C-alpha atoms as a PDB file:
ATOM      1  CA  MET A   1       6.893   2.316 -49.692  1.00  0.00           C
ATOM      2  CA  LEU A   2       5.483  -0.741 -51.507  1.00  0.00           C
ATOM      3  CA  ILE A   3       8.955  -2.077 -52.086  1.00  0.00           C
ATOM      4  CA  LYS A   4       9.689  -1.833 -48.320  1.00  0.00           C
ATOM      5  CA  VAL A   5       6.487  -3.764 -47.543  1.00  0.00           C
ATOM      6  CA  LEU A   6       7.372  -6.453 -50.052  1.00  0.00           C
ATOM      7  CA  GLU A   7      10.842  -6.663 -48.534  1.00  0.00           C
ATOM      8  CA  ILE A   8       9.431  -7.129 -45.070  1.00  0.00           C
ATOM      9  CA  LEU A   9       7.052  -9.811 -46.408  1.00  0.00           C
ATOM     10  CA  LEU A  10       9.992 -11.595 -48.051  1.00  0.00           C
ATOM     11  CA  TYR A  11      11.869 -11.551 -44.756  1.00  0.00           C
ATOM     12  CA  VAL A  12       8.862 -13.048 -42.994  1.00  0.00           C
ATOM     13  CA  VAL A  13       8.644 -15.807 -45.629  1.00  0.00           C
ATOM     14  CA  PHE A  14      12.382 -16.419 -45.392  1.00  0.00           C
ATOM     15  CA  ILE A  15      12.419 -16.757 -41.596  1.00  0.00           C
ATOM     16  CA  ALA A  16       9.229 -18.798 -41.460  1.00  0.00           C
ATOM     17  CA  SER A  17      10.414 -21.195 -44.185  1.00  0.00           C
ATOM     18  CA  SER A  18      13.785 -21.602 -42.441  1.00  0.00           C
ATOM     19  CA  LEU A  19      12.223 -22.456 -39.091  1.00  0.00           C
ATOM     20  CA  LEU A  20       9.668 -24.762 -40.681  1.00  0.00           C
ATOM     21  CA  LEU A  21      12.351 -26.425 -42.735  1.00  0.00           C
ATOM     22  CA  ILE A  22      14.413 -27.095 -39.595  1.00  0.00           C
ATOM     23  CA  LEU A  23      11.346 -28.600 -37.801  1.00  0.00           C
ATOM     24  CA  VAL A  24      10.326 -30.790 -40.817  1.00  0.00           C
ATOM     25  CA  ILE A  25      13.849 -32.109 -41.312  1.00  0.00           C
ATOM     26  CA  LEU A  26      14.248 -32.954 -37.623  1.00  0.00           C
ATOM     27  CA  LEU A  27      10.880 -34.744 -37.535  1.00  0.00           C
ATOM     28  CA  GLN A  28      11.638 -36.919 -40.555  1.00  0.00           C
ATOM     29  CA  GLU A  29      12.429 -40.483 -39.736  1.00  0.00           C
ATOM     30  CA  SER A  30      15.788 -41.550 -41.056  1.00  0.00           C
ATOM     31  CA  LYS A  31      17.193 -45.062 -41.257  1.00  0.00           C
ATOM     32  CA  GLY A  32      18.595 -44.684 -37.736  1.00  0.00           C
ATOM     33  CA  GLY A  33      15.384 -43.299 -36.224  1.00  0.00           C
ATOM     34  CA  GLY A  34      16.598 -39.801 -35.713  1.00  0.00           C
ATOM     35  CA  LEU A  35      14.820 -37.225 -33.615  1.00  0.00           C
ATOM     36  CA  ALA A  36      11.435 -38.504 -34.745  1.00  0.00           C
ATOM     37  CA  ALA A  37      12.080 -41.769 -32.892  1.00  0.00           C
ATOM     38  CA  ALA A  38      12.861 -39.841 -29.704  1.00  0.00           C
ATOM     39  CA  PHE A  39       9.321 -38.468 -29.716  1.00  0.00           C
ATOM     40  CA  GLY A  40       7.762 -41.799 -30.418  1.00  0.00           C
ATOM     41  CA  GLY A  41       7.524 -41.394 -34.187  1.00  0.00           C
ATOM     42  CA  THR A  42       5.262 -38.308 -34.038  1.00  0.00           C
ATOM     43  CA  GLY A  43       6.815 -37.059 -37.288  1.00  0.00           C
ATOM     44  CA  ALA A  44       5.418 -39.951 -39.305  1.00  0.00           C
ATOM     45  CA  GLU A  45       2.014 -39.689 -37.580  1.00  0.00           C
ATOM     46  CA  THR A  46       1.851 -35.949 -38.158  1.00  0.00           C
ATOM     47  CA  PHE A  47       2.621 -36.007 -41.861  1.00  0.00           C
ATOM     48  CA  GLY A  48       1.072 -39.393 -42.693  1.00  0.00           C
ATOM     49  CA  VAL A  49       2.387 -42.839 -43.209  1.00  0.00           C
ATOM     50  CA  LYS A  50       3.885 -42.295 -46.663  1.00  0.00           C
ATOM     51  CA  SER A  51       7.251 -40.608 -46.680  1.00  0.00           C
ATOM     52  CA  GLY A  52       6.747 -39.395 -50.285  1.00  0.00           C
ATOM     53  CA  GLY A  53       4.523 -36.574 -49.187  1.00  0.00           C
ATOM     54  CA  ILE A  54       6.906 -35.298 -46.499  1.00  0.00           C
ATOM     55  CA  ASN A  55       9.826 -35.450 -48.920  1.00  0.00           C
ATOM     56  CA  ARG A  56       7.938 -33.445 -51.499  1.00  0.00           C
ATOM     57  CA  PHE A  57       6.896 -30.986 -48.845  1.00  0.00           C
ATOM     58  CA  THR A  58      10.518 -30.651 -47.704  1.00  0.00           C
ATOM     59  CA  SER A  59      11.650 -30.052 -51.299  1.00  0.00           C
ATOM     60  CA  ILE A  60       9.015 -27.332 -51.893  1.00  0.00           C
ATOM     61  CA  LEU A  61       9.864 -25.664 -48.607  1.00  0.00           C
ATOM     62  CA  ALA A  62      13.632 -25.767 -49.473  1.00  0.00           C
ATOM     63  CA  ALA A  63      12.853 -24.176 -52.862  1.00  0.00           C
ATOM     64  CA  VAL A  64      10.821 -21.348 -51.148  1.00  0.00           C
ATOM     65  CA  PHE A  65      13.692 -20.804 -48.750  1.00  0.00           C
ATOM     66  CA  VAL A  66      16.360 -20.607 -51.458  1.00  0.00           C
ATOM     67  CA  GLY A  67      14.134 -18.519 -53.696  1.00  0.00           C
ATOM     68  CA  ALA A  68      13.481 -15.971 -50.910  1.00  0.00           C
ATOM     69  CA  ALA A  69      17.180 -15.874 -50.111  1.00  0.00           C
ATOM     70  CA  ILE A  70      18.118 -15.121 -53.690  1.00  0.00           C
ATOM     71  CA  ILE A  71      15.459 -12.459 -54.097  1.00  0.00           C
ATOM     72  CA  LEU A  72      16.479 -10.794 -50.863  1.00  0.00           C
ATOM     73  CA  ALA A  73      20.126 -10.837 -51.912  1.00  0.00           C
ATOM     74  CA  THR A  74      19.329  -9.199 -55.302  1.00  0.00           C
ATOM     75  CA  ILE A  75      17.095  -6.438 -53.911  1.00  0.00           C
ATOM     76  CA  GLN A  76      19.499  -5.296 -51.223  1.00  0.00           C
ATOM     77  CA  PRO A  77      20.936  -1.798 -51.979  1.00  0.00           C
ATOM     78  CA  ARG A  78      24.489  -1.734 -53.189  1.00  0.00           C
ATOM     79  CA  THR A  79      26.915  -0.073 -50.851  1.00  0.00           C
ATOM     80  CA  SER A  80      30.558   0.812 -51.439  1.00  0.00           C
ATOM     81  CA  ALA A  81      32.876  -1.986 -52.566  1.00  0.00           C
ATOM     82  CA  PRO A  82      34.333  -4.162 -49.897  1.00  0.00           C
ATOM     83  CA  ALA A  83      37.790  -3.275 -48.610  1.00  0.00           C
ATOM     84  CA  SER A  84      39.298  -6.244 -50.365  1.00  0.00           C
ATOM     85  CA  THR A  85      38.310  -4.882 -53.791  1.00  0.00           C
ATOM     86  CA  LYS A  86      39.302  -1.276 -53.258  1.00  0.00           C
ATOM     87  CA  PRO A  87      42.738  -0.277 -54.582  1.00  0.00           C
ATOM     88  CA  ALA A  88      45.202  -0.207 -51.761  1.00  0.00           C
ATOM     89  CA  GLN A  89      46.896   3.112 -51.069  1.00  0.00           C
ATOM     90  CA  GLU A  90      50.564   2.803 -50.485  1.00  0.00           C
ATOM     91  CA  ALA A  91      51.907   4.464 -47.313  1.00  0.00           C
ATOM     92  CA  PRO A  92      54.562   7.144 -47.891  1.00  0.00           C
ATOM     93  CA  ALA A  93      58.109   6.240 -47.053  1.00  0.00           C
ATOM     94  CA  GLU A  94      59.146   7.227 -43.575  1.00  0.00           C
ATOM     95  CA  GLY A  95      60.388  10.783 -43.486  1.00  0.00           C
ATOM     96  CA  ALA A  96      58.795  11.663 -46.807  1.00  0.00           C
ATOM     97  CA  PRO A  97      56.364  14.523 -46.799  1.00  0.00           C
ATOM     98  CA  VAL A  98      52.696  13.512 -47.220  1.00  0.00           C
ATOM     99  CA  GLU A  99      50.885  15.160 -50.147  1.00  0.00           C
ATOM    100  CA  GLY A 100      48.918  18.191 -49.133  1.00  0.00           C
ATOM    101  CA  THR A 101      51.066  19.136 -46.130  1.00  0.00           C
ATOM    102  CA  PRO A 102      53.589  21.842 -46.420  1.00  0.00           C
ATOM    103  CA  ALA A 103      57.269  21.139 -45.811  1.00  0.00           C
ATOM    104  CA  PRO A 104      58.551  22.462 -42.462  1.00  0.00           C
ATOM    105  CA  VAL A 105      60.132  25.824 -42.715  1.00  0.00           C
ATOM    106  CA  GLU A 106      63.341  26.387 -40.775  1.00  0.00           C
ATOM    107  CA  PRO A 107      63.601  29.665 -38.940  1.00  0.00           C
ATOM    108  CA  PRO A 108      66.117  32.138 -40.364  1.00  0.00           C
ATOM    109  CA  GLY A 109      69.323  32.758 -38.618  1.00  0.00           C
END
């Protein structure tokens, strides 16, 4: 039960960090202006004048996102092997009897 709660919490952190990461990256001002310039530079005003803080925040947020993704991938229950790794069963030659089925019996006479 506790593991399920932690898994749900990790999913919330994963989704929240992904959405926040998208927002922060789009609001950053690039050399060409970017989306931040379209809103009148609100990205720079929101996060302060220095770009060092926003870059550090973006890096921390990216690390949280990647960390949550790795943890979620490792705690997922293992299912059967993918079809590409299972040994292929060869189909019997046409006209050959399939194992487990009796050969047809011809009526006497």
